[in-house]
């Protein structure tokens, strides 16, 4: 089978998955850009080993898409609202080829009169890949029938990586030293220092948390608002860590005790997958699709209302004061994430392709 996939940029987890899927199908990926402005260039992966990568631009996009529509059996559409993607859908349908809309996740945000336009554009696709029941709600809000939705395990690691991460837990004390963790109990968060990640809310929650509990936020220098909260309240137990690559970051997860992700909106949140693979219990908001999906399936997360400092403070205190509860959540994280491997994700995609062929 010859498959065309149109996507935004070569994120590392995406490229790793495409390299694996490319062993099973003849895969062409049309990337809209090499890198997005709000990401470190080091984060991206350009190791295209088992699939064909083409970068679209104003000069080549129409002819490239026309050619792909003639040659390929189906289109995976990951960016349904972009003009270039709408054009791709049109060209594939012109050739009587099927189109699959692919969503990592989705959060329903009512937009009034624009909802009808979004629904219309979304319904131009023939089938829909969903990362789980939380994403199904997003599709269904826009009028997508359940019988056209197929599920997949949204992964960012292989089976081998998951096994290697679990082994790292045997050396927890070593990683605590390497990462410079000072306090008795370590809270970890990983994410870009932008308002959407909710670090101002987390900093305010830490005002009521004892100094023997340290918070380490990996992702660079703090926003000015967050920095101000830390300085005004003399929060010496909050530490900011520069961007770390994948291998370095694993040590931070392995040495920590609890993962806190106070996001205001994440259509998935792969850092939750990463934290779970190293046995961490999760605290997150009702606007993180990964946390909601995993907690529904595995009961490994304390879910708090977004932007609610009091609820977040209570959740942190609940976990740091209850070792047995933390241990239970930790075990649930570690066992649950084993379902979410690249290998399982490939099987999910192939199963979808076969059903569509029928």
Protein backbone atom coordinates (compact mmCIF):
# COMPACT_ATOMS: atom_id res chain seq x y z
CA UNK A 1 0.00 0.00 0.00
CA UNK A 2 1.20 3.48 -0.85
CA UNK A 3 0.24 6.05 1.79
CA UNK A 4 0.58 9.85 1.77
CA UNK A 5 0.63 11.67 5.12
CA UNK A 6 0.42 15.46 5.33
CA UNK A 7 1.65 16.92 8.62
CA UNK A 8 3.12 20.09 10.13
CA UNK A 9 6.75 19.45 11.20
CA UNK A 10 9.07 16.47 11.87
CA UNK A 11 8.57 16.06 15.62
CA UNK A 12 10.85 13.31 17.01
CA UNK A 13 8.09 10.95 18.13
CA UNK A 14 6.38 11.39 14.75
CA UNK A 15 9.51 10.60 12.76
CA UNK A 16 10.26 7.54 14.91
CA UNK A 17 6.75 6.25 14.35
CA UNK A 18 6.83 6.98 10.61
CA UNK A 19 10.11 5.08 10.29
CA UNK A 20 8.40 2.05 11.81
CA UNK A 21 5.19 2.42 9.80
CA UNK A 22 7.33 2.87 6.68
CA UNK A 23 8.50 -0.74 7.03
CA UNK A 24 4.92 -1.90 6.51
CA UNK A 25 3.68 0.52 3.82
CA UNK A 26 5.26 2.71 1.16
CA UNK A 27 5.00 5.98 3.09
CA UNK A 28 5.35 9.55 1.82
CA UNK A 29 5.18 12.38 4.32
CA UNK A 30 4.52 15.93 3.18
CA UNK A 31 5.81 18.29 5.88
CA UNK A 32 4.51 21.86 5.91
CA UNK A 33 7.66 23.18 7.62
CA UNK A 34 11.07 22.03 8.89
CA UNK A 35 10.57 23.56 12.35
CA UNK A 36 8.08 25.72 14.20
CA UNK A 37 9.17 29.05 15.68
CA UNK A 38 8.31 28.28 19.31
CA UNK A 39 10.41 25.10 19.52
CA UNK A 40 14.15 24.58 19.98
CA UNK A 41 15.68 23.32 16.72
CA UNK A 42 17.46 20.56 18.68
CA UNK A 43 14.06 19.06 19.49
CA UNK A 44 13.32 18.04 15.89
CA UNK A 45 14.39 14.81 14.19
CA UNK A 46 15.40 14.66 10.53
CA UNK A 47 16.42 11.00 10.42
CA UNK A 48 14.05 9.86 7.69
CA UNK A 49 15.16 6.24 7.31
CA UNK A 50 12.13 4.23 6.12
CA UNK A 51 9.86 6.79 4.50
CA UNK A 52 10.02 9.54 1.90
CA UNK A 53 9.94 13.09 3.29
CA UNK A 54 9.01 16.10 1.16
CA UNK A 55 8.88 19.70 2.40
CA UNK A 56 6.03 21.70 0.94
CA UNK A 57 6.35 25.34 -0.07
CA UNK A 58 4.42 27.83 -2.20
CA UNK A 59 6.23 26.70 -5.34
CA UNK A 60 5.88 22.92 -5.10
CA UNK A 61 2.83 22.15 -2.96
CA UNK A 62 0.10 21.95 -5.62
CA UNK A 63 2.03 19.81 -8.10
CA UNK A 64 3.37 17.58 -5.32
CA UNK A 65 -0.09 16.98 -3.90
CA UNK A 66 -1.57 16.28 -7.36
CA UNK A 67 1.16 13.72 -7.99
CA UNK A 68 0.63 12.07 -4.60
CA UNK A 69 -3.12 11.89 -5.22
CA UNK A 70 -2.50 10.01 -8.47
CA UNK A 71 0.11 7.63 -7.05
CA UNK A 72 -1.01 6.91 -3.47
CA UNK A 73 -3.86 4.73 -2.22
CA UNK A 74 -4.97 7.00 0.61
CA UNK A 75 -4.24 10.24 2.46
CA UNK A 76 -3.69 10.75 6.19
CA UNK A 77 -4.62 14.34 6.99
CA UNK A 78 -3.19 15.66 10.29
CA UNK A 79 -3.86 19.35 9.78
CA UNK A 80 -7.42 19.46 8.47
CA UNK A 81 -7.96 23.24 8.81
CA UNK A 82 -4.98 24.36 6.69
CA UNK A 83 -5.64 25.41 3.09
CA UNK A 84 -2.94 23.07 1.80
CA UNK A 85 -4.63 20.15 3.57
CA UNK A 86 -8.05 21.08 2.19
CA UNK A 87 -6.48 21.11 -1.26
CA UNK A 88 -4.99 17.67 -0.62
CA UNK A 89 -8.40 16.30 0.42
CA UNK A 90 -9.93 17.72 -2.76
CA UNK A 91 -7.25 16.17 -5.00
CA UNK A 92 -7.45 12.72 -3.36
CA UNK A 93 -11.23 12.71 -3.67
CA UNK A 94 -10.89 13.77 -7.28
CA UNK A 95 -8.89 10.58 -7.80
CA UNK A 96 -11.56 8.64 -5.82
CA UNK A 97 -9.10 7.94 -2.99
CA UNK A 98 -9.99 7.76 0.72
CA UNK A 99 -8.89 10.37 3.28
CA UNK A 100 -8.31 9.71 6.98
CA UNK A 101 -8.29 12.63 9.38
CA UNK A 102 -5.76 12.00 12.14
CA UNK A 103 -6.02 13.70 15.56
CA UNK A 104 -3.58 13.24 18.44
CA UNK A 105 -6.29 14.62 20.69
CA UNK A 106 -8.84 17.38 20.85
CA UNK A 107 -10.48 19.79 23.26
CA UNK A 108 -13.92 21.15 22.50
CA UNK A 109 -13.91 24.94 22.47
CA UNK A 110 -17.31 26.28 21.37
CA UNK A 111 -16.79 28.97 18.72
CA UNK A 112 -20.38 29.96 17.96
CA UNK A 113 -21.05 30.44 14.26
CA UNK A 114 -17.58 29.10 13.40
CA UNK A 115 -18.56 25.64 14.69
CA UNK A 116 -20.58 25.02 11.52
CA UNK A 117 -17.61 25.87 9.32
CA UNK A 118 -15.28 23.63 11.36
CA UNK A 119 -17.81 20.80 11.19
CA UNK A 120 -18.15 21.18 7.42
CA UNK A 121 -14.38 21.09 6.83
CA UNK A 122 -13.90 18.17 9.20
CA UNK A 123 -16.66 16.15 7.54
CA UNK A 124 -14.88 16.34 4.18
CA UNK A 125 -12.66 13.52 5.46
CA UNK A 126 -13.88 9.93 5.07
CA UNK A 127 -12.57 8.29 8.25
CA UNK A 128 -11.08 9.47 11.53
CA UNK A 129 -8.21 8.30 13.74
CA UNK A 130 -8.74 9.05 17.42
CA UNK A 131 -6.37 8.66 20.40
CA UNK A 132 -9.26 7.52 22.63
CA UNK A 133 -12.63 8.32 24.13
CA UNK A 134 -11.66 11.86 25.11
CA UNK A 135 -10.82 12.63 21.47
CA UNK A 136 -14.05 10.92 20.36
CA UNK A 137 -15.95 13.65 22.25
CA UNK A 138 -14.14 16.24 20.14
CA UNK A 139 -15.07 14.49 16.89
CA UNK A 140 -18.65 13.90 17.96
CA UNK A 141 -19.10 17.58 18.88
CA UNK A 142 -18.48 18.40 15.23
CA UNK A 143 -20.93 15.79 13.98
CA UNK A 144 -18.58 12.90 13.12
CA UNK A 145 -20.42 9.53 13.32
CA UNK A 146 -18.98 6.95 15.71
CA UNK A 147 -18.84 4.25 13.03
CA UNK A 148 -16.24 6.28 11.11
CA UNK A 149 -13.88 6.67 14.09
CA UNK A 150 -10.94 4.28 14.64
CA UNK A 151 -8.83 4.24 17.80
CA UNK A 152 -5.05 4.07 18.13
CA UNK A 153 -2.58 4.12 21.03
CA UNK A 154 -0.80 7.49 20.82
CA UNK A 155 2.79 6.59 21.66
CA UNK A 156 6.17 8.27 21.83
CA UNK A 157 8.32 5.20 22.59
CA UNK A 158 9.04 1.70 21.32
CA UNK A 159 8.62 -1.48 23.36
CA UNK A 160 12.40 -1.51 23.84
CA UNK A 161 12.46 2.06 25.15
CA UNK A 162 9.61 1.32 27.56
CA UNK A 163 11.53 -1.69 28.93
CA UNK A 164 14.76 0.31 29.25
CA UNK A 165 12.99 3.12 31.08
CA UNK A 166 11.55 0.69 33.61
CA UNK A 167 15.04 -0.65 34.31
CA UNK A 168 16.22 2.88 35.14
CA UNK A 169 14.03 2.87 38.25
CA UNK A 170 16.52 0.55 39.95
CA UNK A 171 19.00 3.46 40.04
CA UNK A 172 16.65 6.18 41.28
CA UNK A 173 19.06 7.49 43.93
CA UNK A 174 21.85 7.80 41.36
CA UNK A 175 19.69 9.92 39.06
CA UNK A 176 18.58 12.11 41.96
CA UNK A 177 22.22 13.03 42.55
CA UNK A 178 22.98 13.52 38.84
CA UNK A 179 20.03 15.88 38.44
CA UNK A 180 20.95 17.87 41.52
CA UNK A 181 17.72 17.10 43.35
CA UNK A 182 18.11 18.51 46.88
CA UNK A 183 14.79 18.08 48.63
CA UNK A 184 13.26 15.03 50.33
CA UNK A 185 10.36 14.73 47.85
CA UNK A 186 10.72 15.79 44.20
CA UNK A 187 7.94 17.18 42.03
CA UNK A 188 8.80 17.39 38.33
CA UNK A 189 7.21 19.27 35.45
CA UNK A 190 8.39 19.38 31.83
CA UNK A 191 7.26 21.92 29.27
CA UNK A 192 7.90 25.15 27.44
CA UNK A 193 7.83 28.31 29.53
CA UNK A 194 4.68 29.76 28.01
CA UNK A 195 1.39 30.91 29.61
CA UNK A 196 -0.50 27.90 28.26
CA UNK A 197 1.43 25.50 30.48
CA UNK A 198 0.06 27.08 33.68
CA UNK A 199 3.31 27.47 35.60
CA UNK A 200 2.02 30.62 37.29
CA UNK A 201 -0.74 28.48 38.84
CA UNK A 202 1.79 25.86 39.93
CA UNK A 203 4.08 28.50 41.47
CA UNK A 204 1.14 29.88 43.48
CA UNK A 205 0.25 26.35 44.63
CA UNK A 206 3.80 25.87 45.91
CA UNK A 207 3.36 28.76 48.39
CA UNK A 208 1.53 26.34 50.71
CA UNK A 209 3.94 23.43 50.15
CA UNK A 210 6.73 22.79 52.73
CA UNK A 211 10.37 23.46 51.79
CA UNK A 212 11.32 19.78 52.03
CA UNK A 213 9.36 19.29 48.80
CA UNK A 214 11.16 20.56 45.70
CA UNK A 215 9.67 21.46 42.33
CA UNK A 216 11.89 21.18 39.25
CA UNK A 217 10.57 22.59 35.97
CA UNK A 218 12.52 21.49 32.89
CA UNK A 219 12.08 23.73 29.87
CA UNK A 220 14.18 26.88 30.19
CA UNK A 221 14.02 30.24 31.91
CA UNK A 222 10.73 31.12 33.63
CA UNK A 223 8.23 33.60 32.28
CA UNK A 224 8.41 37.00 33.98
CA UNK A 225 5.07 36.41 35.72
CA UNK A 226 6.23 33.10 37.18
CA UNK A 227 9.60 34.56 38.17
CA UNK A 228 7.83 37.34 40.03
CA UNK A 229 5.66 34.90 42.02
CA UNK A 230 8.74 32.89 42.99
CA UNK A 231 10.73 35.95 44.09
CA UNK A 232 7.91 37.70 45.97
CA UNK A 233 7.10 34.56 47.96
CA UNK A 234 10.75 33.47 48.48
CA UNK A 235 10.06 30.06 46.96
CA UNK A 236 13.55 28.60 47.22
CA UNK A 237 12.20 25.09 46.56
CA UNK A 238 11.27 25.91 42.93
CA UNK A 239 14.07 25.26 40.44
CA UNK A 240 14.15 25.99 36.68
CA UNK A 241 16.17 23.67 34.44
CA UNK A 242 17.25 24.41 30.85
CA UNK A 243 15.97 22.40 27.88
CA UNK A 244 17.20 18.78 27.98
CA UNK A 245 17.42 16.26 25.17
CA UNK A 246 15.53 12.98 25.33
CA UNK A 247 18.27 10.96 27.02
CA UNK A 248 19.04 13.64 29.60
CA UNK A 249 15.37 14.13 30.35
CA UNK A 250 14.87 10.46 31.22
CA UNK A 251 17.15 10.90 34.24
CA UNK A 252 14.98 13.75 35.55
CA UNK A 253 11.88 11.58 35.31
CA UNK A 254 13.66 8.59 36.86
CA UNK A 255 14.85 10.56 39.88
CA UNK A 256 11.55 12.31 40.61
CA UNK A 257 8.60 11.22 42.77
CA UNK A 258 5.54 12.94 41.25
CA UNK A 259 4.87 14.52 37.85
CA UNK A 260 2.83 17.74 37.84
CA UNK A 261 1.47 19.15 34.58
CA UNK A 262 -0.78 22.22 35.21
CA UNK A 263 -1.53 22.89 31.54
CA UNK A 264 -4.30 25.23 30.47
CA UNK A 265 -4.79 23.30 27.23
CA UNK A 266 -3.03 20.29 25.70
CA UNK A 267 -4.77 18.31 22.98
CA UNK A 268 -2.69 15.40 24.24
CA UNK A 269 0.52 15.97 26.26
CA UNK A 270 3.22 13.38 25.48
CA UNK A 271 5.18 14.40 28.58
CA UNK A 272 2.52 12.44 30.48
CA UNK A 273 3.44 9.31 28.47
CA UNK A 274 7.11 9.93 29.25
CA UNK A 275 6.48 10.40 32.98
CA UNK A 276 4.35 7.25 33.16
CA UNK A 277 7.08 5.19 31.47
CA UNK A 278 9.30 5.98 34.45
CA UNK A 279 6.67 5.08 37.00
CA UNK A 280 5.51 8.53 38.04
CA UNK A 281 2.04 9.27 39.40
CA UNK A 282 0.46 12.21 37.59
CA UNK A 283 -1.22 15.42 38.70
CA UNK A 284 -2.78 17.34 35.82
CA UNK A 285 -5.78 19.37 34.75
CA UNK A 286 -9.09 18.63 33.06
CA UNK A 287 -7.65 20.32 29.95
CA UNK A 288 -4.95 17.71 29.36
CA UNK A 289 -6.37 15.00 27.10
CA UNK A 290 -3.61 12.47 27.88
CA UNK A 291 -4.15 12.78 31.64
CA UNK A 292 -7.92 12.44 31.25
CA UNK A 293 -7.62 9.43 28.92
CA UNK A 294 -5.03 7.61 31.02
CA UNK A 295 -6.86 8.25 34.27
CA UNK A 296 -10.08 6.91 32.77
CA UNK A 297 -8.27 3.73 31.72
CA UNK A 298 -5.65 3.24 34.43
CA UNK A 299 -6.56 5.36 37.49
CA UNK A 300 -3.09 6.88 37.78
CA UNK A 301 -3.85 10.60 37.89
CA UNK A 302 -5.18 13.29 40.18
CA UNK A 303 -7.24 15.55 37.91
CA UNK A 304 -7.77 19.16 39.02
CA UNK A 305 -9.82 21.99 37.57
CA UNK A 306 -7.76 24.14 35.22
CA UNK A 307 -6.50 27.43 36.75
CA UNK A 308 -7.57 26.33 40.24
CA UNK A 309 -4.70 27.03 42.66
CA UNK A 310 -6.53 25.58 45.66
CA UNK A 311 -7.33 22.28 43.95
CA UNK A 312 -3.76 21.94 42.71
CA UNK A 313 -2.37 22.65 46.18
CA UNK A 314 -4.67 20.02 47.70
CA UNK A 315 -3.68 17.44 45.07
CA UNK A 316 0.03 17.97 45.73
CA UNK A 317 -0.47 17.71 49.49
CA UNK A 318 -2.61 14.59 49.08
CA UNK A 319 0.15 12.78 47.20
CA UNK A 320 3.16 13.92 49.23
CA UNK A 321 1.38 12.95 52.45
CA UNK A 322 0.26 9.49 51.29
CA UNK A 323 3.05 7.13 50.23
CA UNK A 324 0.73 4.16 49.74
CA UNK A 325 -1.48 6.15 47.38
CA UNK A 326 1.56 7.36 45.43
CA UNK A 327 2.80 3.80 45.12
CA UNK A 328 -0.58 2.67 43.79
CA UNK A 329 -0.69 5.45 41.17
CA UNK A 330 2.92 4.73 40.24
CA UNK A 331 2.21 1.04 39.59
CA UNK A 332 -0.84 1.97 37.53
CA UNK A 333 1.26 4.36 35.41
CA UNK A 334 3.95 1.77 34.78
CA UNK A 335 1.58 -1.06 33.85
CA UNK A 336 -0.76 1.13 31.78
CA UNK A 337 1.85 2.78 29.58
CA UNK A 338 3.00 -0.60 28.26
CA UNK A 339 0.02 -0.55 25.91
CA UNK A 340 1.29 2.69 24.38
CA UNK A 341 4.21 1.62 22.21
CA UNK A 342 5.06 2.50 18.61
CA UNK A 343 4.59 -1.16 17.72
CA UNK A 344 0.99 -1.14 18.99
CA UNK A 345 0.38 2.16 17.24
CA UNK A 346 1.57 0.69 13.92
CA UNK A 347 -0.81 -2.25 14.36
CA UNK A 348 -3.67 0.18 15.05
CA UNK A 349 -2.95 2.15 11.87
CA UNK A 350 -2.61 -0.99 9.73
CA UNK A 351 -5.87 -2.34 11.13
CA UNK A 352 -7.58 0.92 10.18
CA UNK A 353 -6.13 0.75 6.63
CA UNK A 354 -7.39 -2.83 6.17
CA UNK A 355 -10.90 -2.00 7.34
CA UNK A 356 -11.05 0.99 5.02
CA UNK A 357 -9.89 -1.14 2.07
CA UNK A 358 -12.91 -3.40 2.57
